[in-house]
Amino acid sequence: MLRVIIILFFSFFSCTNNLNEATLTYNTDIQKTQIGYPVNLDIKLNNLDEYYSIEEMTWSDSLLWAADSSKVLIKNSKIDTLDQSLSIGFEITFWDTGKAIIPPYFLSINFPDSTGSTIFTTDSIHIEIESVIDSNFVNIQKDKPIKKIKLPYDKYRIFLISLILFLVVFIFYLWRKRGQDNPLKNIQFFNKNPKKDSVKKLNRLKFKDMSSDIFYNKLSIILKEYLENEYYIISFEMTSSELRKFFDDKDLIALLEKIDSVKFANKEYSNTEKKYDLELAKKIVRKLL
């Protein structure tokens, strides 16, 4: 008798539905909304097998219902795949009044013990969209008049117009005087002839009754100005060793060594040596390095 009861017990439970059968739930947070206010649709699949896989997820009309973004806009969506559940969320915004229908959403799930995929689908969801304007309003207030914006430069308008006119006339004047002798032609914005200018400075440099420190410092400045204007190098930021590498000239190297000996070793030279070095600097400037 006990054996019969045990057999009937197992037969009864084997005929019942599987308690872990997958279940689909879905809902929206509201059934009535206004234009521009989002509706949240949550879809959940529970009691899934641990090794399930997603085959396909799509709307019944392949999202044609939201093709016109001026009426329906899906702002974002989220999906969470847990061990035994699947959660999908949509935020849907409607931009037209009346009754709207959210079409069914299909989910195709594969289970390891199944030969084919299982399809889950939601039903159509009806949403009522109302206008944000209260229907009780009878009188609509007029718009406020447009306020004239005063720009900060309005009070300088006459000055700016005068300045622009002056510049136009000045440019026209320069265009008419091009190629002619005029005071503006003699203005030099850069050293056109650094070699000639350096020779003039060296001719004005005196060496008598002048200490070696002052004389060789002035000589170094004239020489470096010449190198900078003639060869477009930053000679004032270069050391003597760097200049020697840049210019392979024995006269220049000898003069740079003489300048360094005064600057760093405080050596004093006679007027004869100063005169020789002054002429050597002129020679360096005159010739091509």
C-alpha atoms as a PDB file:
ATOM      1  CA  MET A   1       0.000   0.000   0.000  1.00  0.00           C
ATOM      2  CA  LEU A   2       2.825   2.427   0.822  1.00  0.00           C
ATOM      3  CA  ARG A   3       4.422   1.741  -2.555  1.00  0.00           C
ATOM      4  CA  VAL A   4       1.186   2.694  -4.332  1.00  0.00           C
ATOM      5  CA  ILE A   5       0.945   5.985  -2.394  1.00  0.00           C
ATOM      6  CA  ILE A   6       4.551   6.908  -3.329  1.00  0.00           C
ATOM      7  CA  ILE A   7       3.908   6.167  -7.021  1.00  0.00           C
ATOM      8  CA  LEU A   8       0.724   8.273  -7.009  1.00  0.00           C
ATOM      9  CA  PHE A   9       2.577  11.123  -5.258  1.00  0.00           C
ATOM     10  CA  PHE A  10       5.292  11.312  -7.930  1.00  0.00           C
ATOM     11  CA  SER A  11       2.733  10.956 -10.723  1.00  0.00           C
ATOM     12  CA  PHE A  12       0.757  13.900  -9.323  1.00  0.00           C
ATOM     13  CA  PHE A  13       3.708  16.271  -9.160  1.00  0.00           C
ATOM     14  CA  SER A  14       5.049  15.193 -12.541  1.00  0.00           C
ATOM     15  CA  CYS A  15       1.740  16.225 -14.125  1.00  0.00           C
ATOM     16  CA  THR A  16       1.736  19.743 -12.576  1.00  0.00           C
ATOM     17  CA  ASN A  17       3.126  22.771 -14.371  1.00  0.00           C
ATOM     18  CA  ASN A  18       6.761  23.644 -13.895  1.00  0.00           C
ATOM     19  CA  LEU A  19       7.025  26.169 -11.078  1.00  0.00           C
ATOM     20  CA  ASN A  20      10.056  27.717 -12.748  1.00  0.00           C
ATOM     21  CA  GLU A  21       8.287  28.385 -16.046  1.00  0.00           C
ATOM     22  CA  ALA A  22       9.367  31.735 -17.603  1.00  0.00           C
ATOM     23  CA  THR A  23       6.871  34.531 -17.013  1.00  0.00           C
ATOM     24  CA  LEU A  24       6.507  37.834 -18.881  1.00  0.00           C
ATOM     25  CA  THR A  25       5.359  40.986 -17.102  1.00  0.00           C
ATOM     26  CA  TYR A  26       5.087  44.511 -18.477  1.00  0.00           C
ATOM     27  CA  ASN A  27       3.551  47.780 -17.397  1.00  0.00           C
ATOM     28  CA  THR A  28       3.688  51.540 -17.882  1.00  0.00           C
ATOM     29  CA  ASP A  29       4.031  53.939 -14.990  1.00  0.00           C
ATOM     30  CA  ILE A  30       1.055  56.007 -16.216  1.00  0.00           C
ATOM     31  CA  GLN A  31      -1.893  55.490 -18.572  1.00  0.00           C
ATOM     32  CA  LYS A  32      -2.582  59.178 -19.143  1.00  0.00           C
ATOM     33  CA  THR A  33      -0.026  61.876 -19.758  1.00  0.00           C
ATOM     34  CA  GLN A  34       0.554  65.247 -21.422  1.00  0.00           C
ATOM     35  CA  ILE A  35       2.551  66.287 -24.457  1.00  0.00           C
ATOM     36  CA  GLY A  36       6.269  66.230 -23.724  1.00  0.00           C
ATOM     37  CA  TYR A  37       6.020  64.152 -20.534  1.00  0.00           C
ATOM     38  CA  PRO A  38       7.688  60.721 -20.844  1.00  0.00           C
ATOM     39  CA  VAL A  39       5.990  57.376 -20.307  1.00  0.00           C
ATOM     40  CA  ASN A  40       8.156  54.608 -18.872  1.00  0.00           C
ATOM     41  CA  LEU A  41       7.520  51.103 -20.204  1.00  0.00           C
ATOM     42  CA  ASP A  42       9.104  48.260 -18.229  1.00  0.00           C
ATOM     43  CA  ILE A  43       9.231  44.696 -19.615  1.00  0.00           C
ATOM     44  CA  LYS A  44      10.508  41.799 -17.496  1.00  0.00           C
ATOM     45  CA  LEU A  45      11.078  38.099 -18.114  1.00  0.00           C
ATOM     46  CA  ASN A  46      11.475  36.090 -14.895  1.00  0.00           C
ATOM     47  CA  ASN A  47      12.293  32.489 -14.044  1.00  0.00           C
ATOM     48  CA  LEU A  48      14.600  32.072 -17.038  1.00  0.00           C
ATOM     49  CA  ASP A  49      17.115  29.310 -17.364  1.00  0.00           C
ATOM     50  CA  GLU A  50      20.577  30.266 -16.226  1.00  0.00           C
ATOM     51  CA  TYR A  51      22.012  29.625 -19.703  1.00  0.00           C
ATOM     52  CA  TYR A  52      19.386  31.420 -21.789  1.00  0.00           C
ATOM     53  CA  SER A  53      20.380  33.536 -24.764  1.00  0.00           C
ATOM     54  CA  ILE A  54      18.580  36.358 -26.561  1.00  0.00           C
ATOM     55  CA  GLU A  55      17.783  35.603 -30.182  1.00  0.00           C
ATOM     56  CA  GLU A  56      15.915  38.790 -31.133  1.00  0.00           C
ATOM     57  CA  MET A  57      14.129  41.776 -29.567  1.00  0.00           C
ATOM     58  CA  THR A  58      11.983  44.053 -31.718  1.00  0.00           C
ATOM     59  CA  TRP A  59       8.706  45.948 -31.987  1.00  0.00           C
ATOM     60  CA  SER A  60       5.907  44.301 -33.921  1.00  0.00           C
ATOM     61  CA  ASP A  61       6.134  46.921 -36.698  1.00  0.00           C
ATOM     62  CA  SER A  62       9.964  47.231 -36.577  1.00  0.00           C
ATOM     63  CA  LEU A  63       9.751  50.668 -34.925  1.00  0.00           C
ATOM     64  CA  LEU A  64       7.696  52.238 -37.733  1.00  0.00           C
ATOM     65  CA  TRP A  65       5.344  53.635 -35.106  1.00  0.00           C
ATOM     66  CA  ALA A  66       8.177  55.902 -33.853  1.00  0.00           C
ATOM     67  CA  ALA A  67       9.575  56.838 -37.285  1.00  0.00           C
ATOM     68  CA  ASP A  68       8.148  60.370 -37.039  1.00  0.00           C
ATOM     69  CA  SER A  69      10.063  61.965 -34.161  1.00  0.00           C
ATOM     70  CA  SER A  70       7.679  64.937 -34.211  1.00  0.00           C
ATOM     71  CA  LYS A  71       4.978  62.643 -32.794  1.00  0.00           C
ATOM     72  CA  VAL A  72       6.798  59.896 -30.872  1.00  0.00           C
ATOM     73  CA  LEU A  73      10.313  59.899 -29.474  1.00  0.00           C
ATOM     74  CA  ILE A  74      12.042  57.046 -27.662  1.00  0.00           C
ATOM     75  CA  LYS A  75      14.572  59.059 -25.692  1.00  0.00           C
ATOM     76  CA  ASN A  76      16.520  56.133 -24.267  1.00  0.00           C
ATOM     77  CA  SER A  77      16.296  52.475 -23.443  1.00  0.00           C
ATOM     78  CA  LYS A  78      18.007  50.160 -21.006  1.00  0.00           C
ATOM     79  CA  ILE A  79      18.476  46.414 -20.768  1.00  0.00           C
ATOM     80  CA  ASP A  80      19.631  44.301 -17.830  1.00  0.00           C
ATOM     81  CA  THR A  81      20.462  40.621 -18.342  1.00  0.00           C
ATOM     82  CA  LEU A  82      20.670  38.836 -15.016  1.00  0.00           C
ATOM     83  CA  ASP A  83      21.268  35.132 -14.364  1.00  0.00           C
ATOM     84  CA  GLN A  84      17.604  34.140 -14.451  1.00  0.00           C
ATOM     85  CA  SER A  85      15.799  37.273 -15.616  1.00  0.00           C
ATOM     86  CA  LEU A  86      15.738  39.884 -18.366  1.00  0.00           C
ATOM     87  CA  SER A  87      14.672  43.495 -17.873  1.00  0.00           C
ATOM     88  CA  ILE A  88      14.076  46.086 -20.608  1.00  0.00           C
ATOM     89  CA  GLY A  89      13.028  49.697 -20.112  1.00  0.00           C
ATOM     90  CA  PHE A  90      11.890  52.367 -22.565  1.00  0.00           C
ATOM     91  CA  GLU A  91      11.249  56.075 -22.024  1.00  0.00           C
ATOM     92  CA  ILE A  92       8.678  57.179 -24.602  1.00  0.00           C
ATOM     93  CA  THR A  93       7.598  60.762 -25.207  1.00  0.00           C
ATOM     94  CA  PHE A  94       4.513  61.700 -27.232  1.00  0.00           C
ATOM     95  CA  TRP A  95       4.178  65.018 -29.078  1.00  0.00           C
ATOM     96  CA  ASP A  96       0.589  64.778 -30.302  1.00  0.00           C
ATOM     97  CA  THR A  97      -2.710  64.760 -28.437  1.00  0.00           C
ATOM     98  CA  GLY A  98      -5.261  61.966 -28.553  1.00  0.00           C
ATOM     99  CA  LYS A  99      -5.044  58.251 -27.985  1.00  0.00           C
ATOM    100  CA  ALA A 100      -1.737  56.605 -28.762  1.00  0.00           C
ATOM    101  CA  ILE A 101      -0.983  52.902 -29.005  1.00  0.00           C
ATOM    102  CA  ILE A 102       2.312  51.343 -28.004  1.00  0.00           C
ATOM    103  CA  PRO A 103       2.568  48.259 -30.252  1.00  0.00           C
ATOM    104  CA  PRO A 104       3.513  44.789 -28.974  1.00  0.00           C
ATOM    105  CA  TYR A 105       7.166  44.054 -28.256  1.00  0.00           C
ATOM    106  CA  PHE A 106       8.603  40.648 -29.216  1.00  0.00           C
ATOM    107  CA  LEU A 107      11.367  38.778 -27.408  1.00  0.00           C
ATOM    108  CA  SER A 108      12.842  35.599 -28.900  1.00  0.00           C
ATOM    109  CA  ILE A 109      14.716  33.562 -26.246  1.00  0.00           C
ATOM    110  CA  ASN A 110      16.775  30.397 -26.701  1.00  0.00           C
ATOM    111  CA  PHE A 111      16.943  27.831 -23.911  1.00  0.00           C
ATOM    112  CA  PRO A 112      19.650  25.132 -23.805  1.00  0.00           C
ATOM    113  CA  ASP A 113      17.144  22.269 -23.499  1.00  0.00           C
ATOM    114  CA  SER A 114      14.951  23.485 -26.349  1.00  0.00           C
ATOM    115  CA  THR A 115      15.296  22.773 -30.067  1.00  0.00           C
ATOM    116  CA  GLY A 116      13.865  26.163 -31.078  1.00  0.00           C
ATOM    117  CA  SER A 117      13.464  29.641 -29.693  1.00  0.00           C
ATOM    118  CA  THR A 118      10.557  30.685 -27.483  1.00  0.00           C
ATOM    119  CA  ILE A 119       8.763  33.916 -28.375  1.00  0.00           C
ATOM    120  CA  PHE A 120       7.318  36.197 -25.720  1.00  0.00           C
ATOM    121  CA  THR A 121       5.206  39.187 -26.665  1.00  0.00           C
ATOM    122  CA  THR A 122       3.433  42.010 -24.893  1.00  0.00           C
ATOM    123  CA  ASP A 123      -0.016  43.302 -25.735  1.00  0.00           C
ATOM    124  CA  SER A 124      -0.780  46.688 -27.259  1.00  0.00           C
ATOM    125  CA  ILE A 125      -0.867  49.426 -24.642  1.00  0.00           C
ATOM    126  CA  HIS A 126      -3.219  52.399 -24.985  1.00  0.00           C
ATOM    127  CA  ILE A 127      -2.022  55.764 -23.744  1.00  0.00           C
ATOM    128  CA  GLU A 128      -4.123  58.933 -23.615  1.00  0.00           C
ATOM    129  CA  ILE A 129      -2.226  62.127 -24.437  1.00  0.00           C
ATOM    130  CA  GLU A 130      -3.618  65.462 -23.303  1.00  0.00           C
ATOM    131  CA  SER A 131      -2.587  69.005 -24.143  1.00  0.00           C
ATOM    132  CA  VAL A 132      -0.573  71.015 -21.641  1.00  0.00           C
ATOM    133  CA  ILE A 133      -2.968  73.964 -22.178  1.00  0.00           C
ATOM    134  CA  ASP A 134      -5.822  74.004 -19.713  1.00  0.00           C
ATOM    135  CA  SER A 135      -9.154  73.842 -21.564  1.00  0.00           C
ATOM    136  CA  ASN A 136     -10.673  76.155 -18.941  1.00  0.00           C
ATOM    137  CA  PHE A 137      -8.574  79.050 -20.224  1.00  0.00           C
ATOM    138  CA  VAL A 138     -10.787  81.420 -22.200  1.00  0.00           C
ATOM    139  CA  ASN A 139      -8.705  84.578 -22.474  1.00  0.00           C
ATOM    140  CA  ILE A 140      -5.120  84.255 -23.589  1.00  0.00           C
ATOM    141  CA  GLN A 141      -2.917  87.100 -22.532  1.00  0.00           C
ATOM    142  CA  LYS A 142      -1.083  89.027 -25.198  1.00  0.00           C
ATOM    143  CA  ASP A 143       2.631  88.616 -25.562  1.00  0.00           C
ATOM    144  CA  LYS A 144       4.787  91.197 -23.891  1.00  0.00           C
ATOM    145  CA  PRO A 145       6.146  93.820 -26.271  1.00  0.00           C
ATOM    146  CA  ILE A 146       9.620  93.248 -27.598  1.00  0.00           C
ATOM    147  CA  LYS A 147      12.116  95.138 -25.504  1.00  0.00           C
ATOM    148  CA  LYS A 148      14.734  96.991 -27.452  1.00  0.00           C
ATOM    149  CA  ILE A 149      18.196  95.877 -26.473  1.00  0.00           C
ATOM    150  CA  LYS A 150      20.738  98.633 -26.082  1.00  0.00           C
ATOM    151  CA  LEU A 151      24.134  97.396 -27.092  1.00  0.00           C
ATOM    152  CA  PRO A 152      27.078  98.662 -24.990  1.00  0.00           C
ATOM    153  CA  TYR A 153      28.782 100.272 -27.986  1.00  0.00           C
ATOM    154  CA  ASP A 154      25.777 102.411 -29.023  1.00  0.00           C
ATOM    155  CA  LYS A 155      27.214 105.502 -27.367  1.00  0.00           C
ATOM    156  CA  TYR A 156      30.455 105.007 -29.341  1.00  0.00           C
ATOM    157  CA  ARG A 157      28.658 104.628 -32.654  1.00  0.00           C
ATOM    158  CA  ILE A 158      29.640 108.042 -34.038  1.00  0.00           C
ATOM    159  CA  PHE A 159      33.261 107.549 -33.010  1.00  0.00           C
ATOM    160  CA  LEU A 160      33.433 104.088 -34.566  1.00  0.00           C
ATOM    161  CA  ILE A 161      31.847 105.271 -37.806  1.00  0.00           C
ATOM    162  CA  SER A 162      34.316 108.174 -37.955  1.00  0.00           C
ATOM    163  CA  LEU A 163      37.222 105.813 -37.302  1.00  0.00           C
ATOM    164  CA  ILE A 164      36.114 103.446 -40.072  1.00  0.00           C
ATOM    165  CA  LEU A 165      35.743 106.350 -42.529  1.00  0.00           C
ATOM    166  CA  PHE A 166      39.199 107.628 -41.596  1.00  0.00           C
ATOM    167  CA  LEU A 167      40.750 104.210 -42.172  1.00  0.00           C
ATOM    168  CA  VAL A 168      39.019 103.881 -45.543  1.00  0.00           C
ATOM    169  CA  VAL A 169      40.297 107.311 -46.635  1.00  0.00           C
ATOM    170  CA  PHE A 170      43.789 106.538 -45.317  1.00  0.00           C
ATOM    171  CA  ILE A 171      43.962 103.234 -47.169  1.00  0.00           C
ATOM    172  CA  PHE A 172      42.778 104.958 -50.352  1.00  0.00           C
ATOM    173  CA  TYR A 173      45.481 107.614 -49.843  1.00  0.00           C
ATOM    174  CA  LEU A 174      48.204 104.971 -49.478  1.00  0.00           C
ATOM    175  CA  TRP A 175      46.939 103.176 -52.554  1.00  0.00           C
ATOM    176  CA  ARG A 176      47.130 106.398 -54.604  1.00  0.00           C
ATOM    177  CA  LYS A 177      50.623 107.215 -53.304  1.00  0.00           C
ATOM    178  CA  ARG A 178      52.090 103.772 -53.890  1.00  0.00           C
ATOM    179  CA  GLY A 179      55.464 103.892 -55.629  1.00  0.00           C
ATOM    180  CA  GLN A 180      55.888 107.618 -54.982  1.00  0.00           C
ATOM    181  CA  ASP A 181      58.214 109.361 -52.567  1.00  0.00           C
ATOM    182  CA  ASN A 182      56.321 110.058 -49.361  1.00  0.00           C
ATOM    183  CA  PRO A 183      57.162 110.253 -45.667  1.00  0.00           C
ATOM    184  CA  LEU A 184      55.763 106.795 -44.958  1.00  0.00           C
ATOM    185  CA  LYS A 185      58.168 105.221 -47.406  1.00  0.00           C
ATOM    186  CA  ASN A 186      61.173 106.066 -45.270  1.00  0.00           C
ATOM    187  CA  ILE A 187      59.796 104.286 -42.201  1.00  0.00           C
ATOM    188  CA  GLN A 188      61.714 101.048 -41.601  1.00  0.00           C
ATOM    189  CA  PHE A 189      60.106  98.355 -39.493  1.00  0.00           C
ATOM    190  CA  PHE A 190      63.131  96.030 -39.657  1.00  0.00           C
ATOM    191  CA  ASN A 191      66.834  96.244 -40.319  1.00  0.00           C
ATOM    192  CA  LYS A 192      67.159  96.138 -44.107  1.00  0.00           C
ATOM    193  CA  ASN A 193      70.974  96.153 -44.118  1.00  0.00           C
ATOM    194  CA  PRO A 194      72.323  94.683 -40.867  1.00  0.00           C
ATOM    195  CA  LYS A 195      75.870  94.477 -42.281  1.00  0.00           C
ATOM    196  CA  LYS A 196      76.045  98.211 -43.035  1.00  0.00           C
ATOM    197  CA  ASP A 197      74.378  99.124 -39.743  1.00  0.00           C
ATOM    198  CA  SER A 198      76.826  96.971 -37.754  1.00  0.00           C
ATOM    199  CA  VAL A 199      79.851  98.535 -39.466  1.00  0.00           C
ATOM    200  CA  LYS A 200      78.569 101.996 -38.541  1.00  0.00           C
ATOM    201  CA  LYS A 201      78.202 100.952 -34.909  1.00  0.00           C
ATOM    202  CA  LEU A 202      81.704  99.465 -34.880  1.00  0.00           C
ATOM    203  CA  ASN A 203      83.150 102.699 -36.347  1.00  0.00           C
ATOM    204  CA  ARG A 204      81.523 104.668 -33.518  1.00  0.00           C
ATOM    205  CA  LEU A 205      82.874 102.306 -30.846  1.00  0.00           C
ATOM    206  CA  LYS A 206      85.846 103.790 -28.911  1.00  0.00           C
ATOM    207  CA  PHE A 207      88.421 101.613 -27.214  1.00  0.00           C
ATOM    208  CA  LYS A 208      90.737 104.171 -25.622  1.00  0.00           C
ATOM    209  CA  ASP A 209      90.290 104.934 -21.938  1.00  0.00           C
ATOM    210  CA  MET A 210      87.699 102.134 -21.702  1.00  0.00           C
ATOM    211  CA  SER A 211      88.021  99.036 -19.579  1.00  0.00           C
ATOM    212  CA  SER A 212      88.153  95.668 -21.279  1.00  0.00           C
ATOM    213  CA  ASP A 213      84.935  94.604 -19.569  1.00  0.00           C
ATOM    214  CA  ILE A 214      82.910  97.498 -21.050  1.00  0.00           C
ATOM    215  CA  PHE A 215      84.594  97.440 -24.461  1.00  0.00           C
ATOM    216  CA  TYR A 216      84.213  93.703 -25.103  1.00  0.00           C
ATOM    217  CA  ASN A 217      80.648  93.749 -23.776  1.00  0.00           C
ATOM    218  CA  LYS A 218      79.684  96.455 -26.313  1.00  0.00           C
ATOM    219  CA  LEU A 219      81.578  94.590 -29.015  1.00  0.00           C
ATOM    220  CA  SER A 220      79.683  91.391 -28.156  1.00  0.00           C
ATOM    221  CA  ILE A 221      76.310  93.176 -28.347  1.00  0.00           C
ATOM    222  CA  ILE A 222      77.048  94.655 -31.797  1.00  0.00           C
ATOM    223  CA  LEU A 223      78.299  91.316 -33.080  1.00  0.00           C
ATOM    224  CA  LYS A 224      75.300  89.350 -31.792  1.00  0.00           C
ATOM    225  CA  GLU A 225      72.857  91.928 -33.171  1.00  0.00           C
ATOM    226  CA  TYR A 226      74.484  91.501 -36.565  1.00  0.00           C
ATOM    227  CA  LEU A 227      74.232  87.694 -36.411  1.00  0.00           C
ATOM    228  CA  GLU A 228      70.623  87.869 -35.302  1.00  0.00           C
ATOM    229  CA  ASN A 229      69.501  90.318 -38.008  1.00  0.00           C
ATOM    230  CA  GLU A 230      71.569  88.783 -40.793  1.00  0.00           C
ATOM    231  CA  TYR A 231      71.005  85.058 -40.128  1.00  0.00           C
ATOM    232  CA  TYR A 232      67.731  85.120 -38.086  1.00  0.00           C
ATOM    233  CA  ILE A 233      69.099  83.215 -35.122  1.00  0.00           C
ATOM    234  CA  ILE A 234      68.573  83.863 -31.419  1.00  0.00           C
ATOM    235  CA  SER A 235      72.207  84.771 -30.907  1.00  0.00           C
ATOM    236  CA  PHE A 236      71.606  86.494 -27.548  1.00  0.00           C
ATOM    237  CA  GLU A 237      70.309  83.215 -26.117  1.00  0.00           C
ATOM    238  CA  MET A 238      73.153  81.126 -27.557  1.00  0.00           C
ATOM    239  CA  THR A 239      76.445  80.447 -25.816  1.00  0.00           C
ATOM    240  CA  SER A 240      79.797  80.987 -27.485  1.00  0.00           C
ATOM    241  CA  SER A 241      80.241  77.248 -27.941  1.00  0.00           C
ATOM    242  CA  GLU A 242      76.866  77.037 -29.723  1.00  0.00           C
ATOM    243  CA  LEU A 243      77.806  79.937 -32.001  1.00  0.00           C
ATOM    244  CA  ARG A 244      81.121  78.263 -32.815  1.00  0.00           C
ATOM    245  CA  LYS A 245      79.230  75.144 -33.913  1.00  0.00           C
ATOM    246  CA  PHE A 246      76.838  77.226 -35.982  1.00  0.00           C
ATOM    247  CA  PHE A 247      79.554  79.327 -37.719  1.00  0.00           C
ATOM    248  CA  ASP A 248      82.766  77.538 -38.684  1.00  0.00           C
ATOM    249  CA  ASP A 249      84.898  80.675 -38.968  1.00  0.00           C
ATOM    250  CA  LYS A 250      88.314  80.970 -37.318  1.00  0.00           C
ATOM    251  CA  ASP A 251      88.137  84.774 -36.911  1.00  0.00           C
ATOM    252  CA  LEU A 252      84.771  84.587 -35.203  1.00  0.00           C
ATOM    253  CA  ILE A 253      85.942  81.746 -32.961  1.00  0.00           C
ATOM    254  CA  ALA A 254      89.024  83.727 -31.913  1.00  0.00           C
ATOM    255  CA  LEU A 255      86.967  86.822 -31.130  1.00  0.00           C
ATOM    256  CA  LEU A 256      84.392  84.836 -29.137  1.00  0.00           C
ATOM    257  CA  GLU A 257      87.190  83.286 -27.074  1.00  0.00           C
ATOM    258  CA  LYS A 258      88.595  86.760 -26.364  1.00  0.00           C
ATOM    259  CA  ILE A 259      85.130  87.985 -25.246  1.00  0.00           C
ATOM    260  CA  ASP A 260      84.660  84.941 -22.977  1.00  0.00           C
ATOM    261  CA  SER A 261      88.083  85.458 -21.375  1.00  0.00           C
ATOM    262  CA  VAL A 262      87.089  88.993 -20.352  1.00  0.00           C
ATOM    263  CA  LYS A 263      83.597  87.988 -19.255  1.00  0.00           C
ATOM    264  CA  PHE A 264      84.477  84.925 -17.213  1.00  0.00           C
ATOM    265  CA  ALA A 265      88.183  85.371 -16.373  1.00  0.00           C
ATOM    266  CA  ASN A 266      88.221  89.187 -15.997  1.00  0.00           C
ATOM    267  CA  LYS A 267      91.238  89.499 -18.261  1.00  0.00           C
ATOM    268  CA  GLU A 268      92.445  92.984 -19.227  1.00  0.00           C
ATOM    269  CA  TYR A 269      93.800  93.751 -22.711  1.00  0.00           C
ATOM    270  CA  SER A 270      95.799  96.684 -24.051  1.00  0.00           C
ATOM    271  CA  ASN A 271      94.567  99.326 -26.470  1.00  0.00           C
ATOM    272  CA  THR A 272      96.557  97.664 -29.246  1.00  0.00           C
ATOM    273  CA  GLU A 273      94.709  94.375 -28.707  1.00  0.00           C
ATOM    274  CA  LYS A 274      91.375  96.176 -28.478  1.00  0.00           C
ATOM    275  CA  LYS A 275      92.042  97.968 -31.774  1.00  0.00           C
ATOM    276  CA  TYR A 276      92.996  94.674 -33.422  1.00  0.00           C
ATOM    277  CA  ASP A 277      89.821  92.978 -32.145  1.00  0.00           C
ATOM    278  CA  LEU A 278      87.707  95.924 -33.319  1.00  0.00           C
ATOM    279  CA  GLU A 279      89.122  95.606 -36.833  1.00  0.00           C
ATOM    280  CA  LEU A 280      88.646  91.843 -36.635  1.00  0.00           C
ATOM    281  CA  ALA A 281      84.944  92.351 -35.837  1.00  0.00           C
ATOM    282  CA  LYS A 282      84.610  94.638 -38.881  1.00  0.00           C
ATOM    283  CA  LYS A 283      86.255  91.968 -40.991  1.00  0.00           C
ATOM    284  CA  ILE A 284      83.792  89.333 -39.704  1.00  0.00           C
ATOM    285  CA  VAL A 285      80.811  91.557 -40.493  1.00  0.00           C
ATOM    286  CA  ARG A 286      82.036  92.488 -43.990  1.00  0.00           C
ATOM    287  CA  LYS A 287      82.766  88.975 -45.202  1.00  0.00           C
ATOM    288  CA  LEU A 288      80.336  86.119 -45.727  1.00  0.00           C
ATOM    289  CA  LEU A 289      80.509  83.519 -42.986  1.00  0.00           C
END
